[in-house]
Amino acid sequence: MKGTLIVLEGTDGSGKATQAKLLLEHLRRQGLSCREIDFPRYGNPFAEPVTRYLRGALGDKPGDVNAYAASTMFAVDRFASYQEDWGGFYEAGGVVIANRYTTSNAVHQASKLSGGERRAFLDWLFDLEYRRLGLPEPDLVLYLDMPTEAANRLLRRRERQTSTQADIHEQDAAYLRRCQENAREIAETLGWTVVRCAAGDSPRTPEDIHREVAARAAECLSR
């Protein structure tokens, strides 16, 4: 028996954490056994290489660490989390909502590569995590498509409200723009479900986006 894995994906500032929380609360009200996972797991020893990468210890630009090296660090954290934490719950039939997953490497790291290299990288990435490491493939990937300008405004507001410093991905507007362009192409190629999070540059309300997210999740869970 296996559970259901629903992934909330998107570039930085697209509202993944908010939508994951709202969906978790919604499904629990429906009486479903569900839980949320979040990557990277800041503070966990298996996520320390990722943390150091994102804080600039390996280079102050995302491109200073190649796509394969960065993805391997994220994959190790994900594998350890499955073994340590949520694997048993999922295998017993639970519903798992992921704020980021293997799909984040596809969004962020593939944007460092050109077209032909990108396809080879994606084949390598999914083979590594889903087959060689044995992590479950998502049943549904909800890509939150937030325009880069709106996402940047939300990121800066989050920094002010939480008194936190953006990581090297979040600081690089050009990199985030490439990630969004890459993500839209990948979402179409891989059949991800795209949720438009803005009308023009004006973001939809979290509650409005949640209604669409919840409807898509219900369709997945009813199959």
N, C-alpha and C. Protein backbone atom coordinates (compact mmCIF):
# COMPACT_ATOMS: atom_id res chain seq x y z
N MET A 1 0.85 -1.20 0.00
CA MET A 1 0.00 0.00 0.00
C MET A 1 0.88 1.24 0.00
N LYS A 2 0.52 2.22 -0.76
CA LYS A 2 1.25 3.47 -0.72
C LYS A 2 0.26 4.62 -0.56
N GLY A 3 0.79 5.74 -0.13
CA GLY A 3 -0.06 6.90 0.07
C GLY A 3 -0.16 7.76 -1.16
N THR A 4 -0.43 9.04 -0.93
CA THR A 4 -0.55 10.02 -2.00
C THR A 4 0.42 11.16 -1.70
N LEU A 5 1.18 11.56 -2.71
CA LEU A 5 2.14 12.65 -2.56
C LEU A 5 1.72 13.80 -3.46
N ILE A 6 1.39 14.93 -2.84
CA ILE A 6 1.01 16.15 -3.55
C ILE A 6 2.09 17.19 -3.32
N VAL A 7 2.65 17.73 -4.39
CA VAL A 7 3.76 18.66 -4.30
C VAL A 7 3.32 20.07 -4.68
N LEU A 8 3.65 21.04 -3.85
CA LEU A 8 3.48 22.46 -4.17
C LEU A 8 4.83 22.97 -4.64
N GLU A 9 4.88 23.40 -5.90
CA GLU A 9 6.14 23.84 -6.50
C GLU A 9 5.98 25.25 -7.04
N GLY A 10 7.11 25.95 -7.18
CA GLY A 10 7.10 27.30 -7.70
C GLY A 10 8.40 27.99 -7.38
N THR A 11 8.64 29.12 -8.01
CA THR A 11 9.84 29.87 -7.71
C THR A 11 9.72 30.53 -6.34
N ASP A 12 10.83 31.07 -5.84
CA ASP A 12 10.81 31.72 -4.53
C ASP A 12 9.83 32.88 -4.54
N GLY A 13 9.03 32.97 -3.47
CA GLY A 13 8.05 34.04 -3.35
C GLY A 13 6.71 33.74 -3.99
N SER A 14 6.50 32.51 -4.43
CA SER A 14 5.24 32.17 -5.11
C SER A 14 4.13 31.76 -4.14
N GLY A 15 4.46 31.60 -2.85
CA GLY A 15 3.42 31.29 -1.87
C GLY A 15 3.27 29.81 -1.56
N LYS A 16 4.30 29.02 -1.79
CA LYS A 16 4.21 27.57 -1.57
C LYS A 16 3.91 27.22 -0.12
N ALA A 17 4.61 27.86 0.81
CA ALA A 17 4.41 27.53 2.23
C ALA A 17 2.98 27.84 2.66
N THR A 18 2.46 28.98 2.23
CA THR A 18 1.09 29.36 2.59
C THR A 18 0.10 28.36 2.03
N GLN A 19 0.26 27.98 0.76
CA GLN A 19 -0.68 27.06 0.14
C GLN A 19 -0.57 25.65 0.71
N ALA A 20 0.62 25.23 1.07
CA ALA A 20 0.79 23.91 1.69
C ALA A 20 0.06 23.86 3.03
N LYS A 21 0.19 24.92 3.82
CA LYS A 21 -0.48 24.99 5.12
C LYS A 21 -1.99 24.99 4.96
N LEU A 22 -2.49 25.80 4.03
CA LEU A 22 -3.94 25.86 3.82
C LEU A 22 -4.49 24.53 3.34
N LEU A 23 -3.76 23.86 2.45
CA LEU A 23 -4.22 22.57 1.95
C LEU A 23 -4.20 21.52 3.04
N LEU A 24 -3.17 21.53 3.87
CA LEU A 24 -3.10 20.58 4.99
C LEU A 24 -4.31 20.74 5.91
N GLU A 25 -4.62 21.98 6.27
CA GLU A 25 -5.75 22.24 7.15
C GLU A 25 -7.06 21.80 6.50
N HIS A 26 -7.19 22.07 5.22
CA HIS A 26 -8.40 21.70 4.48
C HIS A 26 -8.59 20.19 4.47
N LEU A 27 -7.54 19.46 4.16
CA LEU A 27 -7.66 17.99 4.06
C LEU A 27 -7.92 17.37 5.43
N ARG A 28 -7.34 17.94 6.47
CA ARG A 28 -7.60 17.43 7.82
C ARG A 28 -9.05 17.64 8.21
N ARG A 29 -9.61 18.76 7.79
CA ARG A 29 -11.03 18.98 8.06
C ARG A 29 -11.90 17.97 7.33
N GLN A 30 -11.38 17.44 6.22
CA GLN A 30 -12.10 16.41 5.48
C GLN A 30 -11.95 15.03 6.12
N GLY A 31 -11.17 14.95 7.20
CA GLY A 31 -10.98 13.69 7.90
C GLY A 31 -9.86 12.83 7.35
N LEU A 32 -9.01 13.38 6.48
CA LEU A 32 -7.93 12.60 5.89
C LEU A 32 -6.71 12.60 6.80
N SER A 33 -5.98 11.49 6.78
CA SER A 33 -4.72 11.38 7.51
C SER A 33 -3.64 11.98 6.63
N CYS A 34 -3.14 13.15 7.01
CA CYS A 34 -2.18 13.83 6.14
C CYS A 34 -1.16 14.59 6.97
N ARG A 35 -0.05 14.90 6.33
CA ARG A 35 1.00 15.68 6.97
C ARG A 35 1.78 16.44 5.91
N GLU A 36 2.52 17.44 6.37
CA GLU A 36 3.29 18.28 5.47
C GLU A 36 4.78 18.02 5.64
N ILE A 37 5.52 18.07 4.54
CA ILE A 37 6.98 18.03 4.58
C ILE A 37 7.50 19.26 3.85
N ASP A 38 8.71 19.67 4.20
CA ASP A 38 9.24 20.93 3.69
C ASP A 38 10.74 20.76 3.45
N PHE A 39 11.21 21.21 2.29
CA PHE A 39 12.63 21.10 1.97
C PHE A 39 13.20 22.46 1.57
N PRO A 40 14.49 22.67 1.89
CA PRO A 40 15.39 21.83 2.67
C PRO A 40 15.05 21.88 4.15
N ARG A 41 15.54 20.90 4.90
CA ARG A 41 15.22 20.81 6.33
C ARG A 41 16.29 21.57 7.13
N TYR A 42 16.16 22.87 7.16
CA TYR A 42 17.15 23.69 7.87
C TYR A 42 17.31 23.22 9.32
N GLY A 43 18.56 23.06 9.74
CA GLY A 43 18.85 22.60 11.10
C GLY A 43 19.12 21.12 11.20
N ASN A 44 18.71 20.34 10.19
CA ASN A 44 19.00 18.91 10.20
C ASN A 44 20.40 18.68 9.63
N PRO A 45 21.20 17.80 10.26
CA PRO A 45 22.58 17.58 9.76
C PRO A 45 22.64 17.17 8.29
N PHE A 46 21.66 16.41 7.81
CA PHE A 46 21.70 15.97 6.42
C PHE A 46 21.45 17.13 5.44
N ALA A 47 20.91 18.23 5.95
CA ALA A 47 20.66 19.39 5.11
C ALA A 47 21.76 20.44 5.22
N GLU A 48 22.79 20.19 6.01
CA GLU A 48 23.83 21.19 6.23
C GLU A 48 24.55 21.59 4.94
N PRO A 49 24.92 20.66 4.04
CA PRO A 49 25.55 21.10 2.79
C PRO A 49 24.65 22.04 1.97
N VAL A 50 23.35 21.74 1.94
CA VAL A 50 22.40 22.60 1.23
C VAL A 50 22.37 23.99 1.89
N THR A 51 22.31 24.01 3.21
CA THR A 51 22.27 25.27 3.94
C THR A 51 23.48 26.12 3.63
N ARG A 52 24.64 25.50 3.62
CA ARG A 52 25.88 26.23 3.34
C ARG A 52 25.90 26.74 1.89
N TYR A 53 25.42 25.93 0.98
CA TYR A 53 25.32 26.36 -0.42
C TYR A 53 24.42 27.58 -0.56
N LEU A 54 23.23 27.52 0.05
CA LEU A 54 22.27 28.62 -0.08
C LEU A 54 22.73 29.89 0.62
N ARG A 55 23.58 29.74 1.63
CA ARG A 55 24.09 30.92 2.35
C ARG A 55 25.35 31.50 1.72
N GLY A 56 25.82 30.86 0.63
CA GLY A 56 26.94 31.41 -0.11
C GLY A 56 28.30 30.90 0.28
N ALA A 57 28.38 29.83 1.07
CA ALA A 57 29.67 29.31 1.49
C ALA A 57 30.44 28.67 0.34
N LEU A 58 29.74 28.24 -0.70
CA LEU A 58 30.38 27.59 -1.84
C LEU A 58 30.46 28.51 -3.05
N GLY A 59 30.13 29.75 -2.89
CA GLY A 59 30.09 30.73 -3.97
C GLY A 59 28.90 31.63 -3.78
N ASP A 60 29.05 32.91 -4.10
CA ASP A 60 27.97 33.86 -3.80
C ASP A 60 26.95 34.00 -4.92
N LYS A 61 27.10 33.19 -5.98
CA LYS A 61 26.12 33.15 -7.06
C LYS A 61 25.64 31.71 -7.25
N PRO A 62 24.35 31.51 -7.59
CA PRO A 62 23.85 30.14 -7.79
C PRO A 62 24.70 29.34 -8.78
N GLY A 63 25.18 29.99 -9.84
CA GLY A 63 25.94 29.28 -10.86
C GLY A 63 27.33 28.86 -10.43
N ASP A 64 27.78 29.30 -9.24
CA ASP A 64 29.09 28.88 -8.76
C ASP A 64 29.13 27.40 -8.40
N VAL A 65 27.96 26.82 -8.18
CA VAL A 65 27.85 25.37 -7.91
C VAL A 65 27.03 24.77 -9.04
N ASN A 66 27.60 23.79 -9.74
CA ASN A 66 26.91 23.27 -10.92
C ASN A 66 25.64 22.50 -10.55
N ALA A 67 24.77 22.31 -11.53
CA ALA A 67 23.45 21.74 -11.29
C ALA A 67 23.51 20.36 -10.67
N TYR A 68 24.47 19.54 -11.08
CA TYR A 68 24.57 18.17 -10.57
C TYR A 68 25.03 18.15 -9.12
N ALA A 69 26.01 18.97 -8.80
CA ALA A 69 26.51 19.01 -7.42
C ALA A 69 25.44 19.53 -6.47
N ALA A 70 24.78 20.63 -6.85
CA ALA A 70 23.74 21.19 -5.99
C ALA A 70 22.59 20.20 -5.81
N SER A 71 22.17 19.56 -6.89
CA SER A 71 21.05 18.63 -6.82
C SER A 71 21.36 17.43 -5.94
N THR A 72 22.61 16.98 -5.96
CA THR A 72 22.99 15.83 -5.12
C THR A 72 22.85 16.18 -3.65
N MET A 73 23.21 17.40 -3.28
CA MET A 73 23.06 17.81 -1.88
C MET A 73 21.59 17.80 -1.46
N PHE A 74 20.72 18.36 -2.30
CA PHE A 74 19.30 18.36 -1.99
C PHE A 74 18.74 16.94 -1.93
N ALA A 75 19.21 16.06 -2.82
CA ALA A 75 18.71 14.68 -2.88
C ALA A 75 19.07 13.91 -1.61
N VAL A 76 20.26 14.14 -1.08
CA VAL A 76 20.67 13.46 0.15
C VAL A 76 19.74 13.85 1.30
N ASP A 77 19.43 15.12 1.41
CA ASP A 77 18.51 15.58 2.46
C ASP A 77 17.14 14.93 2.28
N ARG A 78 16.67 14.83 1.05
CA ARG A 78 15.35 14.25 0.80
C ARG A 78 15.33 12.76 1.14
N PHE A 79 16.37 12.04 0.73
CA PHE A 79 16.45 10.61 1.04
C PHE A 79 16.46 10.39 2.55
N ALA A 80 17.28 11.17 3.25
CA ALA A 80 17.35 11.02 4.71
C ALA A 80 16.01 11.32 5.36
N SER A 81 15.30 12.32 4.85
CA SER A 81 14.00 12.66 5.43
C SER A 81 13.01 11.52 5.26
N TYR A 82 13.05 10.87 4.11
CA TYR A 82 12.14 9.75 3.87
C TYR A 82 12.45 8.62 4.84
N GLN A 83 13.74 8.33 5.04
CA GLN A 83 14.13 7.25 5.94
C GLN A 83 13.86 7.59 7.40
N GLU A 84 14.10 8.81 7.77
CA GLU A 84 14.00 9.22 9.18
C GLU A 84 12.58 9.57 9.60
N ASP A 85 11.80 10.07 8.64
CA ASP A 85 10.63 10.82 9.06
C ASP A 85 9.32 10.32 8.44
N TRP A 86 9.10 10.54 7.16
CA TRP A 86 7.76 10.41 6.60
C TRP A 86 7.54 9.16 5.75
N GLY A 87 8.57 8.37 5.52
CA GLY A 87 8.43 7.19 4.67
C GLY A 87 7.39 6.20 5.17
N GLY A 88 7.44 5.90 6.47
CA GLY A 88 6.49 4.94 7.03
C GLY A 88 5.06 5.43 6.93
N PHE A 89 4.85 6.72 7.19
CA PHE A 89 3.51 7.31 7.09
C PHE A 89 2.99 7.19 5.67
N TYR A 90 3.82 7.53 4.70
CA TYR A 90 3.43 7.44 3.29
C TYR A 90 3.13 6.00 2.90
N GLU A 91 4.00 5.09 3.27
CA GLU A 91 3.84 3.68 2.88
C GLU A 91 2.62 3.04 3.53
N ALA A 92 2.15 3.63 4.63
CA ALA A 92 0.94 3.13 5.29
C ALA A 92 -0.34 3.73 4.71
N GLY A 93 -0.19 4.56 3.67
CA GLY A 93 -1.37 5.11 3.00
C GLY A 93 -1.68 6.55 3.30
N GLY A 94 -0.79 7.25 4.00
CA GLY A 94 -1.05 8.64 4.35
C GLY A 94 -0.91 9.58 3.17
N VAL A 95 -1.52 10.75 3.31
CA VAL A 95 -1.42 11.81 2.30
C VAL A 95 -0.31 12.77 2.72
N VAL A 96 0.67 12.95 1.87
CA VAL A 96 1.81 13.82 2.16
C VAL A 96 1.77 15.03 1.24
N ILE A 97 1.85 16.22 1.84
CA ILE A 97 1.88 17.47 1.09
C ILE A 97 3.30 18.02 1.20
N ALA A 98 3.97 18.18 0.07
CA ALA A 98 5.36 18.63 0.07
C ALA A 98 5.48 20.07 -0.40
N ASN A 99 6.09 20.89 0.44
CA ASN A 99 6.48 22.24 0.06
C ASN A 99 7.89 22.12 -0.52
N ARG A 100 7.97 21.99 -1.84
CA ARG A 100 9.19 21.67 -2.59
C ARG A 100 9.44 20.16 -2.56
N TYR A 101 10.10 19.69 -3.61
CA TYR A 101 10.45 18.27 -3.70
C TYR A 101 11.55 18.14 -4.76
N THR A 102 11.70 16.96 -5.33
CA THR A 102 12.64 16.77 -6.44
C THR A 102 12.37 17.80 -7.54
N THR A 103 11.13 18.16 -7.70
CA THR A 103 10.72 19.14 -8.70
C THR A 103 11.42 20.48 -8.54
N SER A 104 11.86 20.82 -7.33
CA SER A 104 12.57 22.08 -7.13
C SER A 104 13.94 22.06 -7.80
N ASN A 105 14.59 20.89 -7.79
CA ASN A 105 15.85 20.79 -8.52
C ASN A 105 15.61 20.97 -10.01
N ALA A 106 14.48 20.47 -10.48
CA ALA A 106 14.14 20.65 -11.89
C ALA A 106 13.94 22.14 -12.20
N VAL A 107 13.29 22.86 -11.31
CA VAL A 107 13.03 24.28 -11.52
C VAL A 107 14.31 25.11 -11.41
N HIS A 108 15.05 24.92 -10.32
CA HIS A 108 16.18 25.79 -10.02
C HIS A 108 17.47 25.37 -10.71
N GLN A 109 17.81 24.10 -10.61
CA GLN A 109 19.12 23.69 -11.11
C GLN A 109 19.15 23.55 -12.63
N ALA A 110 18.05 23.09 -13.23
CA ALA A 110 18.04 22.96 -14.70
C ALA A 110 18.16 24.31 -15.37
N SER A 111 17.79 25.40 -14.66
CA SER A 111 17.87 26.73 -15.26
C SER A 111 19.32 27.16 -15.47
N LYS A 112 20.27 26.43 -14.88
CA LYS A 112 21.69 26.74 -15.06
C LYS A 112 22.23 26.19 -16.38
N LEU A 113 21.40 25.40 -17.08
CA LEU A 113 21.88 24.67 -18.26
C LEU A 113 21.16 25.12 -19.52
N SER A 114 21.76 24.80 -20.65
CA SER A 114 21.14 25.10 -21.94
C SER A 114 20.17 23.99 -22.32
N GLY A 115 19.46 24.15 -23.43
CA GLY A 115 18.38 23.23 -23.82
C GLY A 115 18.73 21.76 -23.84
N GLY A 116 19.75 21.37 -24.63
CA GLY A 116 20.11 19.96 -24.71
C GLY A 116 20.65 19.42 -23.41
N GLU A 117 21.47 20.20 -22.72
CA GLU A 117 22.01 19.79 -21.43
C GLU A 117 20.89 19.65 -20.40
N ARG A 118 19.90 20.50 -20.52
CA ARG A 118 18.79 20.49 -19.56
C ARG A 118 18.02 19.17 -19.60
N ARG A 119 17.74 18.67 -20.80
CA ARG A 119 17.00 17.41 -20.92
C ARG A 119 17.78 16.25 -20.32
N ALA A 120 19.10 16.22 -20.59
CA ALA A 120 19.94 15.16 -20.02
C ALA A 120 19.98 15.26 -18.50
N PHE A 121 20.03 16.49 -18.00
CA PHE A 121 20.04 16.68 -16.55
C PHE A 121 18.74 16.18 -15.92
N LEU A 122 17.60 16.51 -16.51
CA LEU A 122 16.32 16.08 -15.95
C LEU A 122 16.21 14.57 -15.93
N ASP A 123 16.67 13.91 -16.99
CA ASP A 123 16.67 12.44 -17.01
C ASP A 123 17.52 11.90 -15.88
N TRP A 124 18.69 12.49 -15.68
CA TRP A 124 19.58 12.07 -14.59
C TRP A 124 18.93 12.31 -13.24
N LEU A 125 18.33 13.49 -13.05
CA LEU A 125 17.73 13.86 -11.77
C LEU A 125 16.63 12.90 -11.35
N PHE A 126 15.68 12.64 -12.26
CA PHE A 126 14.55 11.79 -11.90
C PHE A 126 14.99 10.33 -11.73
N ASP A 127 15.99 9.91 -12.49
CA ASP A 127 16.53 8.56 -12.29
C ASP A 127 17.20 8.45 -10.92
N LEU A 128 17.95 9.47 -10.55
CA LEU A 128 18.64 9.47 -9.25
C LEU A 128 17.64 9.38 -8.10
N GLU A 129 16.67 10.27 -8.05
CA GLU A 129 15.81 10.35 -6.87
C GLU A 129 14.70 9.30 -6.86
N TYR A 130 14.05 9.08 -8.01
CA TYR A 130 12.89 8.19 -8.03
C TYR A 130 13.26 6.72 -8.18
N ARG A 131 14.37 6.44 -8.84
CA ARG A 131 14.73 5.05 -9.06
C ARG A 131 15.90 4.61 -8.19
N ARG A 132 17.02 5.28 -8.29
CA ARG A 132 18.21 4.84 -7.55
C ARG A 132 18.07 5.07 -6.05
N LEU A 133 17.50 6.21 -5.64
CA LEU A 133 17.28 6.45 -4.21
C LEU A 133 15.94 5.91 -3.72
N GLY A 134 15.04 5.59 -4.64
CA GLY A 134 13.77 4.98 -4.26
C GLY A 134 12.75 5.90 -3.65
N LEU A 135 12.86 7.20 -3.90
CA LEU A 135 11.86 8.14 -3.38
C LEU A 135 10.59 8.06 -4.23
N PRO A 136 9.43 8.26 -3.61
CA PRO A 136 8.19 8.16 -4.38
C PRO A 136 8.03 9.31 -5.37
N GLU A 137 7.44 9.02 -6.51
CA GLU A 137 7.11 10.06 -7.48
C GLU A 137 5.81 10.74 -7.05
N PRO A 138 5.70 12.03 -7.29
CA PRO A 138 4.46 12.74 -6.92
C PRO A 138 3.25 12.23 -7.70
N ASP A 139 2.11 12.21 -7.04
CA ASP A 139 0.84 11.92 -7.72
C ASP A 139 0.29 13.18 -8.37
N LEU A 140 0.66 14.33 -7.83
CA LEU A 140 0.20 15.61 -8.37
C LEU A 140 1.25 16.66 -8.05
N VAL A 141 1.66 17.41 -9.08
CA VAL A 141 2.53 18.57 -8.89
C VAL A 141 1.74 19.82 -9.25
N LEU A 142 1.55 20.68 -8.28
CA LEU A 142 0.85 21.95 -8.49
C LEU A 142 1.90 23.05 -8.60
N TYR A 143 2.07 23.57 -9.81
CA TYR A 143 3.05 24.63 -10.02
C TYR A 143 2.38 25.98 -9.85
N LEU A 144 2.82 26.72 -8.83
CA LEU A 144 2.27 28.04 -8.54
C LEU A 144 3.01 29.06 -9.39
N ASP A 145 2.36 29.53 -10.44
CA ASP A 145 2.98 30.41 -11.41
C ASP A 145 2.75 31.86 -11.00
N MET A 146 3.74 32.41 -10.31
CA MET A 146 3.68 33.81 -9.86
C MET A 146 4.66 34.63 -10.69
N PRO A 147 4.23 35.73 -11.32
CA PRO A 147 5.16 36.56 -12.09
C PRO A 147 6.36 36.98 -11.26
N THR A 148 7.52 37.04 -11.89
CA THR A 148 8.76 37.31 -11.17
C THR A 148 8.71 38.62 -10.39
N GLU A 149 8.15 39.67 -10.99
CA GLU A 149 8.10 40.96 -10.32
C GLU A 149 7.26 40.89 -9.04
N ALA A 150 6.13 40.21 -9.12
CA ALA A 150 5.27 40.06 -7.94
C ALA A 150 5.96 39.20 -6.89
N ALA A 151 6.63 38.13 -7.33
CA ALA A 151 7.34 37.25 -6.39
C ALA A 151 8.45 38.02 -5.68
N ASN A 152 9.17 38.87 -6.41
CA ASN A 152 10.23 39.67 -5.78
C ASN A 152 9.67 40.60 -4.71
N ARG A 153 8.52 41.21 -5.01
CA ARG A 153 7.91 42.09 -4.00
C ARG A 153 7.53 41.29 -2.75
N LEU A 154 6.99 40.10 -2.94
CA LEU A 154 6.61 39.27 -1.80
C LEU A 154 7.83 38.80 -1.01
N LEU A 155 8.93 38.50 -1.71
CA LEU A 155 10.16 38.11 -1.02
C LEU A 155 10.70 39.23 -0.15
N ARG A 156 10.73 40.45 -0.71
CA ARG A 156 11.25 41.58 0.06
C ARG A 156 10.36 41.86 1.27
N ARG A 157 9.04 41.73 1.11
CA ARG A 157 8.14 41.94 2.24
C ARG A 157 8.37 40.88 3.31
N ARG A 158 8.60 39.62 2.88
CA ARG A 158 8.86 38.56 3.86
C ARG A 158 10.14 38.83 4.64
N GLU A 159 11.16 39.32 3.96
CA GLU A 159 12.41 39.66 4.64
C GLU A 159 12.17 40.71 5.72
N ARG A 160 11.39 41.75 5.37
CA ARG A 160 11.13 42.81 6.35
C ARG A 160 10.33 42.29 7.53
N GLN A 161 9.34 41.46 7.25
CA GLN A 161 8.45 40.99 8.32
C GLN A 161 9.14 39.98 9.24
N THR A 162 10.05 39.19 8.71
CA THR A 162 10.69 38.14 9.50
C THR A 162 12.11 38.46 9.92
N SER A 163 12.62 39.62 9.46
CA SER A 163 14.00 40.04 9.75
C SER A 163 15.01 38.97 9.35
N THR A 164 14.77 38.34 8.20
CA THR A 164 15.67 37.32 7.69
C THR A 164 16.35 37.83 6.42
N GLN A 165 17.48 37.21 6.10
CA GLN A 165 18.22 37.58 4.90
C GLN A 165 17.94 36.56 3.80
N ALA A 166 17.72 37.04 2.59
CA ALA A 166 17.46 36.16 1.46
C ALA A 166 18.68 35.30 1.15
N ASP A 167 18.44 34.06 0.66
CA ASP A 167 19.55 33.21 0.26
C ASP A 167 20.04 33.61 -1.12
N ILE A 168 21.08 32.93 -1.63
CA ILE A 168 21.69 33.36 -2.89
C ILE A 168 20.75 33.18 -4.08
N HIS A 169 19.78 32.27 -3.98
CA HIS A 169 18.77 32.17 -5.03
C HIS A 169 17.85 33.39 -4.99
N GLU A 170 17.37 33.71 -3.80
CA GLU A 170 16.38 34.78 -3.65
C GLU A 170 16.95 36.16 -3.94
N GLN A 171 18.27 36.33 -3.78
CA GLN A 171 18.90 37.63 -4.00
C GLN A 171 19.11 37.93 -5.48
N ASP A 172 19.07 36.92 -6.31
CA ASP A 172 19.47 37.05 -7.72
C ASP A 172 18.23 37.12 -8.60
N ALA A 173 17.79 38.34 -8.94
CA ALA A 173 16.56 38.51 -9.71
C ALA A 173 16.67 37.89 -11.10
N ALA A 174 17.82 38.00 -11.74
CA ALA A 174 17.99 37.42 -13.07
C ALA A 174 17.89 35.90 -13.01
N TYR A 175 18.46 35.32 -11.98
CA TYR A 175 18.39 33.87 -11.81
C TYR A 175 16.94 33.43 -11.58
N LEU A 176 16.20 34.16 -10.76
CA LEU A 176 14.80 33.82 -10.51
C LEU A 176 13.98 33.91 -11.79
N ARG A 177 14.32 34.88 -12.63
CA ARG A 177 13.61 35.02 -13.91
C ARG A 177 13.88 33.81 -14.81
N ARG A 178 15.14 33.36 -14.85
CA ARG A 178 15.48 32.17 -15.64
C ARG A 178 14.77 30.94 -15.08
N CYS A 179 14.69 30.86 -13.75
CA CYS A 179 14.00 29.72 -13.12
C CYS A 179 12.53 29.68 -13.53
N GLN A 180 11.90 30.85 -13.55
CA GLN A 180 10.49 30.89 -13.92
C GLN A 180 10.29 30.49 -15.37
N GLU A 181 11.13 30.99 -16.26
CA GLU A 181 11.02 30.61 -17.67
C GLU A 181 11.23 29.11 -17.84
N ASN A 182 12.23 28.58 -17.16
CA ASN A 182 12.52 27.15 -17.21
C ASN A 182 11.36 26.34 -16.64
N ALA A 183 10.81 26.80 -15.50
CA ALA A 183 9.73 26.07 -14.83
C ALA A 183 8.49 25.98 -15.69
N ARG A 184 8.16 27.07 -16.39
CA ARG A 184 6.98 27.05 -17.25
C ARG A 184 7.14 26.02 -18.36
N GLU A 185 8.33 25.94 -18.92
CA GLU A 185 8.59 24.96 -19.98
C GLU A 185 8.51 23.54 -19.43
N ILE A 186 9.12 23.32 -18.26
CA ILE A 186 9.12 21.99 -17.65
C ILE A 186 7.70 21.58 -17.24
N ALA A 187 6.95 22.52 -16.67
CA ALA A 187 5.58 22.23 -16.25
C ALA A 187 4.75 21.72 -17.42
N GLU A 188 4.93 22.34 -18.58
CA GLU A 188 4.19 21.91 -19.76
C GLU A 188 4.68 20.55 -20.25
N THR A 189 6.00 20.37 -20.27
CA THR A 189 6.59 19.12 -20.77
C THR A 189 6.21 17.93 -19.90
N LEU A 190 6.22 18.13 -18.57
CA LEU A 190 6.00 17.02 -17.64
C LEU A 190 4.56 16.88 -17.18
N GLY A 191 3.69 17.77 -17.64
CA GLY A 191 2.28 17.66 -17.30
C GLY A 191 1.93 18.10 -15.89
N TRP A 192 2.71 19.03 -15.33
CA TRP A 192 2.35 19.57 -14.03
C TRP A 192 1.08 20.40 -14.16
N THR A 193 0.34 20.51 -13.08
CA THR A 193 -0.85 21.34 -13.05
C THR A 193 -0.46 22.77 -12.70
N VAL A 194 -0.72 23.70 -13.60
CA VAL A 194 -0.32 25.08 -13.42
C VAL A 194 -1.45 25.88 -12.78
N VAL A 195 -1.13 26.56 -11.69
CA VAL A 195 -2.07 27.44 -11.00
C VAL A 195 -1.59 28.87 -11.19
N ARG A 196 -2.32 29.66 -11.95
CA ARG A 196 -1.94 31.05 -12.18
C ARG A 196 -2.21 31.85 -10.91
N CYS A 197 -1.17 32.47 -10.37
CA CYS A 197 -1.29 33.13 -9.07
C CYS A 197 -1.46 34.63 -9.15
N ALA A 198 -1.58 35.15 -10.36
CA ALA A 198 -1.74 36.60 -10.50
C ALA A 198 -2.52 36.91 -11.76
N ALA A 199 -3.16 38.05 -11.74
CA ALA A 199 -3.79 38.62 -12.93
C ALA A 199 -2.91 39.80 -13.33
N GLY A 200 -2.14 39.64 -14.40
CA GLY A 200 -1.10 40.62 -14.70
C GLY A 200 -0.03 40.51 -13.65
N ASP A 201 0.35 41.64 -13.04
CA ASP A 201 1.33 41.64 -11.96
C ASP A 201 0.67 41.70 -10.58
N SER A 202 -0.66 41.62 -10.54
CA SER A 202 -1.38 41.71 -9.26
C SER A 202 -1.69 40.32 -8.74
N PRO A 203 -1.08 39.91 -7.62
CA PRO A 203 -1.31 38.56 -7.09
C PRO A 203 -2.77 38.34 -6.69
N ARG A 204 -3.26 37.14 -6.94
CA ARG A 204 -4.56 36.73 -6.39
C ARG A 204 -4.40 36.58 -4.88
N THR A 205 -5.52 36.62 -4.15
CA THR A 205 -5.44 36.44 -2.71
C THR A 205 -5.09 34.98 -2.40
N PRO A 206 -4.43 34.73 -1.27
CA PRO A 206 -4.12 33.34 -0.89
C PRO A 206 -5.36 32.47 -0.83
N GLU A 207 -6.48 33.03 -0.36
CA GLU A 207 -7.71 32.25 -0.24
C GLU A 207 -8.25 31.86 -1.61
N ASP A 208 -8.15 32.75 -2.56
CA ASP A 208 -8.61 32.47 -3.92
C ASP A 208 -7.75 31.37 -4.56
N ILE A 209 -6.44 31.49 -4.40
CA ILE A 209 -5.54 30.46 -4.93
C ILE A 209 -5.81 29.13 -4.26
N HIS A 210 -6.05 29.16 -2.94
CA HIS A 210 -6.31 27.92 -2.20
C HIS A 210 -7.52 27.18 -2.74
N ARG A 211 -8.56 27.89 -3.10
CA ARG A 211 -9.75 27.22 -3.62
C ARG A 211 -9.42 26.39 -4.86
N GLU A 212 -8.58 26.94 -5.72
CA GLU A 212 -8.17 26.20 -6.91
C GLU A 212 -7.26 25.03 -6.54
N VAL A 213 -6.33 25.26 -5.63
CA VAL A 213 -5.42 24.19 -5.18
C VAL A 213 -6.22 23.05 -4.57
N ALA A 214 -7.17 23.37 -3.69
CA ALA A 214 -7.97 22.34 -3.03
C ALA A 214 -8.80 21.54 -4.03
N ALA A 215 -9.33 22.21 -5.04
CA ALA A 215 -10.12 21.52 -6.07
C ALA A 215 -9.25 20.53 -6.84
N ARG A 216 -8.04 20.96 -7.19
CA ARG A 216 -7.13 20.07 -7.92
C ARG A 216 -6.72 18.87 -7.06
N ALA A 217 -6.47 19.14 -5.78
CA ALA A 217 -6.11 18.05 -4.87
C ALA A 217 -7.25 17.05 -4.73
N ALA A 218 -8.47 17.55 -4.66
CA ALA A 218 -9.64 16.67 -4.54
C ALA A 218 -9.74 15.76 -5.76
N GLU A 219 -9.49 16.30 -6.95
CA GLU A 219 -9.50 15.48 -8.14
C GLU A 219 -8.48 14.35 -8.07
N CYS A 220 -7.29 14.69 -7.59
CA CYS A 220 -6.23 13.69 -7.46
C CYS A 220 -6.63 12.60 -6.46
N LEU A 221 -7.15 13.01 -5.33
CA LEU A 221 -7.48 12.06 -4.27
C LEU A 221 -8.68 11.18 -4.61
N SER A 222 -9.49 11.60 -5.56
CA SER A 222 -10.67 10.82 -5.92
C SER A 222 -10.37 9.75 -7.00
N ARG A 223 -9.17 9.74 -7.53
CA ARG A 223 -8.85 8.78 -8.59
C ARG A 223 -8.75 7.37 -8.03
